Amino acid sequence: MSYTKGVSEMIWPPDAVTHMWDHHQTTVAMAAEALDDPDVVAFIPDPKSRSGKSSRFIGYSPTAERLLVVIVVDHHGQHYGANCWPANPTDQRIYRERTEQ
């Protein structure tokens, strides 16, 4: 599955899509909405990344009716969607603080 708005062209591997739904009840469409949020907060690279190759985005999904965290991995210039889950209280605070500035 691919997504072409927001983070250039992004590919979502089937196992990532399945994991997102099975563990977090989130979809690629919800992740796309979060990435397209005009107030999205981006951490490039993700400070919590073990590999150093991923970026973290916190944005609002109208379909999910909540803030989501979206993880994107860059591999040789190609963006891959890796995961998406509901934002925890810390991520929600970060989003609020960044968008209120």
N, C-alpha and C. Protein backbone atom coordinates (compact mmCIF):
# COMPACT_ATOMS: atom_id res chain seq x y z
N MET A 1 0.85 -1.16 0.00
CA MET A 1 0.00 0.00 0.00
C MET A 1 0.90 1.23 0.00
N SER A 2 0.56 2.24 -0.80
CA SER A 2 1.38 3.44 -0.82
C SER A 2 0.52 4.67 -0.53
N TYR A 3 1.20 5.73 -0.15
CA TYR A 3 0.57 6.99 0.20
C TYR A 3 1.44 8.08 -0.38
N THR A 4 0.85 9.05 -1.10
CA THR A 4 1.67 10.00 -1.84
C THR A 4 1.57 11.45 -1.39
N LYS A 5 0.87 11.73 -0.30
CA LYS A 5 0.78 13.10 0.17
C LYS A 5 1.49 13.20 1.51
N GLY A 6 1.88 14.36 1.95
CA GLY A 6 2.50 14.49 3.27
C GLY A 6 3.97 14.18 3.24
N VAL A 7 4.35 12.97 3.47
CA VAL A 7 5.76 12.57 3.48
C VAL A 7 6.07 11.96 2.11
N SER A 8 6.29 12.82 1.12
CA SER A 8 6.52 12.41 -0.27
C SER A 8 5.75 11.14 -0.59
N GLU A 9 6.38 10.19 -1.24
CA GLU A 9 5.69 8.92 -1.51
C GLU A 9 6.11 7.93 -0.45
N MET A 10 5.13 7.33 0.18
CA MET A 10 5.42 6.41 1.27
C MET A 10 4.78 5.06 0.99
N ILE A 11 5.52 4.01 1.29
CA ILE A 11 5.03 2.64 1.14
C ILE A 11 4.73 2.09 2.53
N TRP A 12 3.59 1.45 2.65
CA TRP A 12 3.21 0.79 3.90
C TRP A 12 3.29 -0.71 3.69
N PRO A 13 4.29 -1.38 4.25
CA PRO A 13 4.38 -2.84 4.13
C PRO A 13 3.15 -3.51 4.75
N PRO A 14 2.67 -4.58 4.14
CA PRO A 14 1.48 -5.26 4.66
C PRO A 14 1.58 -5.66 6.13
N ASP A 15 2.76 -6.09 6.58
CA ASP A 15 2.88 -6.50 7.98
C ASP A 15 2.72 -5.30 8.92
N ALA A 16 3.16 -4.12 8.49
CA ALA A 16 2.99 -2.91 9.30
C ALA A 16 1.51 -2.54 9.39
N VAL A 17 0.81 -2.65 8.26
CA VAL A 17 -0.62 -2.32 8.23
C VAL A 17 -1.39 -3.27 9.15
N THR A 18 -1.07 -4.55 9.09
CA THR A 18 -1.73 -5.54 9.95
C THR A 18 -1.43 -5.26 11.42
N HIS A 19 -0.17 -4.99 11.73
CA HIS A 19 0.22 -4.71 13.11
C HIS A 19 -0.53 -3.48 13.65
N MET A 20 -0.60 -2.42 12.85
CA MET A 20 -1.28 -1.20 13.29
C MET A 20 -2.73 -1.49 13.67
N TRP A 21 -3.41 -2.26 12.85
CA TRP A 21 -4.81 -2.54 13.14
C TRP A 21 -4.94 -3.49 14.34
N ASP A 22 -4.17 -4.57 14.32
CA ASP A 22 -4.28 -5.57 15.38
C ASP A 22 -3.91 -5.04 16.76
N HIS A 23 -2.93 -4.15 16.82
CA HIS A 23 -2.44 -3.67 18.12
C HIS A 23 -2.94 -2.30 18.52
N HIS A 24 -3.30 -1.45 17.53
CA HIS A 24 -3.65 -0.07 17.85
C HIS A 24 -4.97 0.40 17.25
N GLN A 25 -5.61 -0.44 16.43
CA GLN A 25 -6.84 -0.08 15.72
C GLN A 25 -6.68 1.23 14.94
N THR A 26 -5.53 1.35 14.27
CA THR A 26 -5.29 2.49 13.39
C THR A 26 -5.08 1.98 11.97
N THR A 27 -5.32 2.86 11.01
CA THR A 27 -5.22 2.50 9.59
C THR A 27 -4.26 3.44 8.87
N VAL A 28 -3.91 3.08 7.65
CA VAL A 28 -3.08 3.93 6.81
C VAL A 28 -3.78 5.27 6.56
N ALA A 29 -5.09 5.24 6.35
CA ALA A 29 -5.83 6.49 6.12
C ALA A 29 -5.75 7.41 7.34
N MET A 30 -5.85 6.84 8.53
CA MET A 30 -5.72 7.65 9.75
C MET A 30 -4.32 8.23 9.86
N ALA A 31 -3.32 7.41 9.57
CA ALA A 31 -1.93 7.88 9.62
C ALA A 31 -1.73 9.01 8.60
N ALA A 32 -2.31 8.86 7.41
CA ALA A 32 -2.19 9.89 6.39
C ALA A 32 -2.81 11.20 6.86
N GLU A 33 -3.96 11.12 7.51
CA GLU A 33 -4.59 12.33 8.05
C GLU A 33 -3.68 13.00 9.08
N ALA A 34 -3.08 12.20 9.96
CA ALA A 34 -2.19 12.76 10.97
C ALA A 34 -0.98 13.43 10.32
N LEU A 35 -0.43 12.81 9.28
CA LEU A 35 0.71 13.40 8.58
C LEU A 35 0.32 14.68 7.85
N ASP A 36 -0.93 14.77 7.40
CA ASP A 36 -1.41 15.94 6.68
C ASP A 36 -1.89 17.06 7.60
N ASP A 37 -1.93 16.82 8.90
CA ASP A 37 -2.34 17.84 9.86
C ASP A 37 -1.45 19.07 9.66
N PRO A 38 -2.02 20.25 9.42
CA PRO A 38 -1.18 21.44 9.23
C PRO A 38 -0.33 21.78 10.46
N ASP A 39 -0.72 21.27 11.61
CA ASP A 39 0.03 21.50 12.85
C ASP A 39 0.89 20.31 13.26
N VAL A 40 1.11 19.37 12.34
CA VAL A 40 1.87 18.16 12.68
C VAL A 40 3.21 18.54 13.31
N VAL A 41 3.60 17.80 14.33
CA VAL A 41 4.90 17.99 14.98
C VAL A 41 5.81 16.88 14.47
N ALA A 42 6.96 17.27 13.94
CA ALA A 42 7.89 16.31 13.35
C ALA A 42 9.19 16.25 14.13
N PHE A 43 9.64 15.04 14.37
CA PHE A 43 10.96 14.79 14.96
C PHE A 43 11.77 14.02 13.92
N ILE A 44 12.68 14.72 13.26
CA ILE A 44 13.49 14.13 12.19
C ILE A 44 14.95 14.34 12.53
N PRO A 45 15.66 13.32 12.96
CA PRO A 45 15.21 11.94 13.19
C PRO A 45 14.46 11.82 14.52
N ASP A 46 13.84 10.68 14.70
CA ASP A 46 13.11 10.37 15.92
C ASP A 46 14.12 10.18 17.05
N PRO A 47 14.03 10.98 18.12
CA PRO A 47 14.99 10.83 19.22
C PRO A 47 14.89 9.49 19.94
N LYS A 48 13.77 8.79 19.74
CA LYS A 48 13.60 7.48 20.39
C LYS A 48 13.96 6.31 19.48
N SER A 49 14.42 6.62 18.27
CA SER A 49 14.75 5.57 17.30
C SER A 49 16.01 4.83 17.71
N ARG A 50 15.94 3.51 17.65
CA ARG A 50 17.13 2.70 17.93
C ARG A 50 18.06 2.65 16.73
N SER A 51 17.49 2.70 15.53
CA SER A 51 18.30 2.61 14.31
C SER A 51 18.81 3.97 13.86
N GLY A 52 18.13 5.03 14.27
CA GLY A 52 18.47 6.36 13.80
C GLY A 52 17.94 6.66 12.41
N LYS A 53 17.16 5.75 11.84
CA LYS A 53 16.65 5.91 10.47
C LYS A 53 15.18 6.32 10.42
N SER A 54 14.54 6.44 11.57
CA SER A 54 13.11 6.75 11.55
C SER A 54 12.84 8.17 12.00
N SER A 55 11.67 8.66 11.59
CA SER A 55 11.17 9.96 12.00
C SER A 55 9.83 9.74 12.70
N ARG A 56 9.51 10.63 13.63
CA ARG A 56 8.28 10.54 14.41
C ARG A 56 7.44 11.78 14.13
N PHE A 57 6.16 11.57 13.86
CA PHE A 57 5.23 12.65 13.60
C PHE A 57 4.05 12.52 14.55
N ILE A 58 3.62 13.64 15.11
CA ILE A 58 2.43 13.67 15.97
C ILE A 58 1.43 14.59 15.29
N GLY A 59 0.27 14.04 14.92
CA GLY A 59 -0.73 14.84 14.24
C GLY A 59 -2.13 14.34 14.54
N TYR A 60 -3.10 15.17 14.19
CA TYR A 60 -4.50 14.85 14.47
C TYR A 60 -5.14 14.14 13.29
N SER A 61 -5.88 13.07 13.59
CA SER A 61 -6.65 12.34 12.58
C SER A 61 -8.13 12.56 12.86
N PRO A 62 -8.86 13.24 11.97
CA PRO A 62 -10.30 13.41 12.17
C PRO A 62 -11.05 12.08 12.21
N THR A 63 -10.62 11.11 11.42
CA THR A 63 -11.30 9.81 11.43
C THR A 63 -11.12 9.11 12.76
N ALA A 64 -9.92 9.13 13.30
CA ALA A 64 -9.65 8.50 14.60
C ALA A 64 -10.16 9.36 15.75
N GLU A 65 -10.40 10.65 15.46
CA GLU A 65 -10.83 11.62 16.47
C GLU A 65 -9.84 11.73 17.62
N ARG A 66 -8.55 11.68 17.26
CA ARG A 66 -7.51 11.79 18.29
C ARG A 66 -6.17 12.07 17.64
N LEU A 67 -5.22 12.42 18.50
CA LEU A 67 -3.84 12.58 18.04
C LEU A 67 -3.21 11.22 17.86
N LEU A 68 -2.42 11.10 16.81
CA LEU A 68 -1.72 9.85 16.53
C LEU A 68 -0.23 10.12 16.39
N VAL A 69 0.56 9.11 16.71
CA VAL A 69 2.00 9.11 16.47
C VAL A 69 2.23 8.22 15.25
N VAL A 70 2.93 8.75 14.26
CA VAL A 70 3.23 7.99 13.05
C VAL A 70 4.75 7.88 12.93
N ILE A 71 5.22 6.65 12.72
CA ILE A 71 6.64 6.40 12.55
C ILE A 71 6.91 6.11 11.07
N VAL A 72 7.88 6.83 10.53
CA VAL A 72 8.26 6.69 9.12
C VAL A 72 9.76 6.38 9.08
N VAL A 73 10.12 5.37 8.30
CA VAL A 73 11.52 4.98 8.15
C VAL A 73 12.00 5.36 6.76
N ASP A 74 13.17 5.99 6.71
CA ASP A 74 13.80 6.32 5.43
C ASP A 74 14.84 5.26 5.12
N HIS A 75 14.69 4.62 3.96
CA HIS A 75 15.65 3.59 3.54
C HIS A 75 16.06 3.90 2.11
N HIS A 76 17.29 4.36 1.94
CA HIS A 76 17.82 4.71 0.61
C HIS A 76 16.92 5.70 -0.12
N GLY A 77 16.42 6.70 0.61
CA GLY A 77 15.61 7.74 -0.01
C GLY A 77 14.15 7.41 -0.16
N GLN A 78 13.74 6.21 0.15
CA GLN A 78 12.33 5.81 0.08
C GLN A 78 11.74 5.85 1.49
N HIS A 79 10.54 6.40 1.63
CA HIS A 79 9.87 6.45 2.92
C HIS A 79 8.92 5.26 3.08
N TYR A 80 9.04 4.60 4.24
CA TYR A 80 8.19 3.47 4.58
C TYR A 80 7.42 3.78 5.85
N GLY A 81 6.11 3.59 5.81
CA GLY A 81 5.32 3.70 7.03
C GLY A 81 5.62 2.49 7.88
N ALA A 82 5.96 2.73 9.15
CA ALA A 82 6.34 1.62 10.03
C ALA A 82 5.30 1.32 11.09
N ASN A 83 4.66 2.37 11.63
CA ASN A 83 3.71 2.14 12.72
C ASN A 83 2.90 3.41 12.95
N CYS A 84 1.79 3.25 13.64
CA CYS A 84 0.92 4.37 13.99
C CYS A 84 0.12 3.95 15.21
N TRP A 85 0.09 4.81 16.23
CA TRP A 85 -0.67 4.49 17.44
C TRP A 85 -1.21 5.77 18.06
N PRO A 86 -2.20 5.64 18.94
CA PRO A 86 -2.73 6.82 19.63
C PRO A 86 -1.65 7.48 20.49
N ALA A 87 -1.61 8.80 20.46
CA ALA A 87 -0.63 9.55 21.23
C ALA A 87 -0.87 9.38 22.72
N ASN A 88 0.21 9.19 23.46
CA ASN A 88 0.10 9.10 24.92
C ASN A 88 0.07 10.52 25.50
N PRO A 89 -0.14 10.66 26.81
CA PRO A 89 -0.22 12.01 27.39
C PRO A 89 1.02 12.88 27.13
N THR A 90 2.19 12.29 27.11
CA THR A 90 3.41 13.06 26.84
C THR A 90 3.39 13.61 25.41
N ASP A 91 3.04 12.76 24.44
CA ASP A 91 2.96 13.20 23.05
C ASP A 91 1.87 14.25 22.87
N GLN A 92 0.75 14.09 23.56
CA GLN A 92 -0.33 15.08 23.50
C GLN A 92 0.15 16.43 24.02
N ARG A 93 0.90 16.42 25.12
CA ARG A 93 1.43 17.66 25.69
C ARG A 93 2.40 18.33 24.71
N ILE A 94 3.28 17.53 24.11
CA ILE A 94 4.24 18.07 23.14
C ILE A 94 3.49 18.74 21.99
N TYR A 95 2.47 18.08 21.47
CA TYR A 95 1.68 18.63 20.37
C TYR A 95 1.04 19.95 20.78
N ARG A 96 0.40 19.96 21.95
CA ARG A 96 -0.26 21.19 22.42
C ARG A 96 0.74 22.33 22.58
N GLU A 97 1.88 22.03 23.19
CA GLU A 97 2.89 23.07 23.41
C GLU A 97 3.42 23.62 22.10
N ARG A 98 3.64 22.76 21.12
CA ARG A 98 4.19 23.21 19.83
C ARG A 98 3.15 23.99 19.03
N THR A 99 1.88 23.59 19.13
CA THR A 99 0.86 24.26 18.32
C THR A 99 0.37 25.55 18.97
N GLU A 100 0.61 25.72 20.25
CA GLU A 100 0.19 26.95 20.94
C GLU A 100 1.21 28.07 20.79
N GLN A 101 2.37 27.77 20.24
CA GLN A 101 3.42 28.80 20.10
C GLN A 101 3.10 29.76 18.99
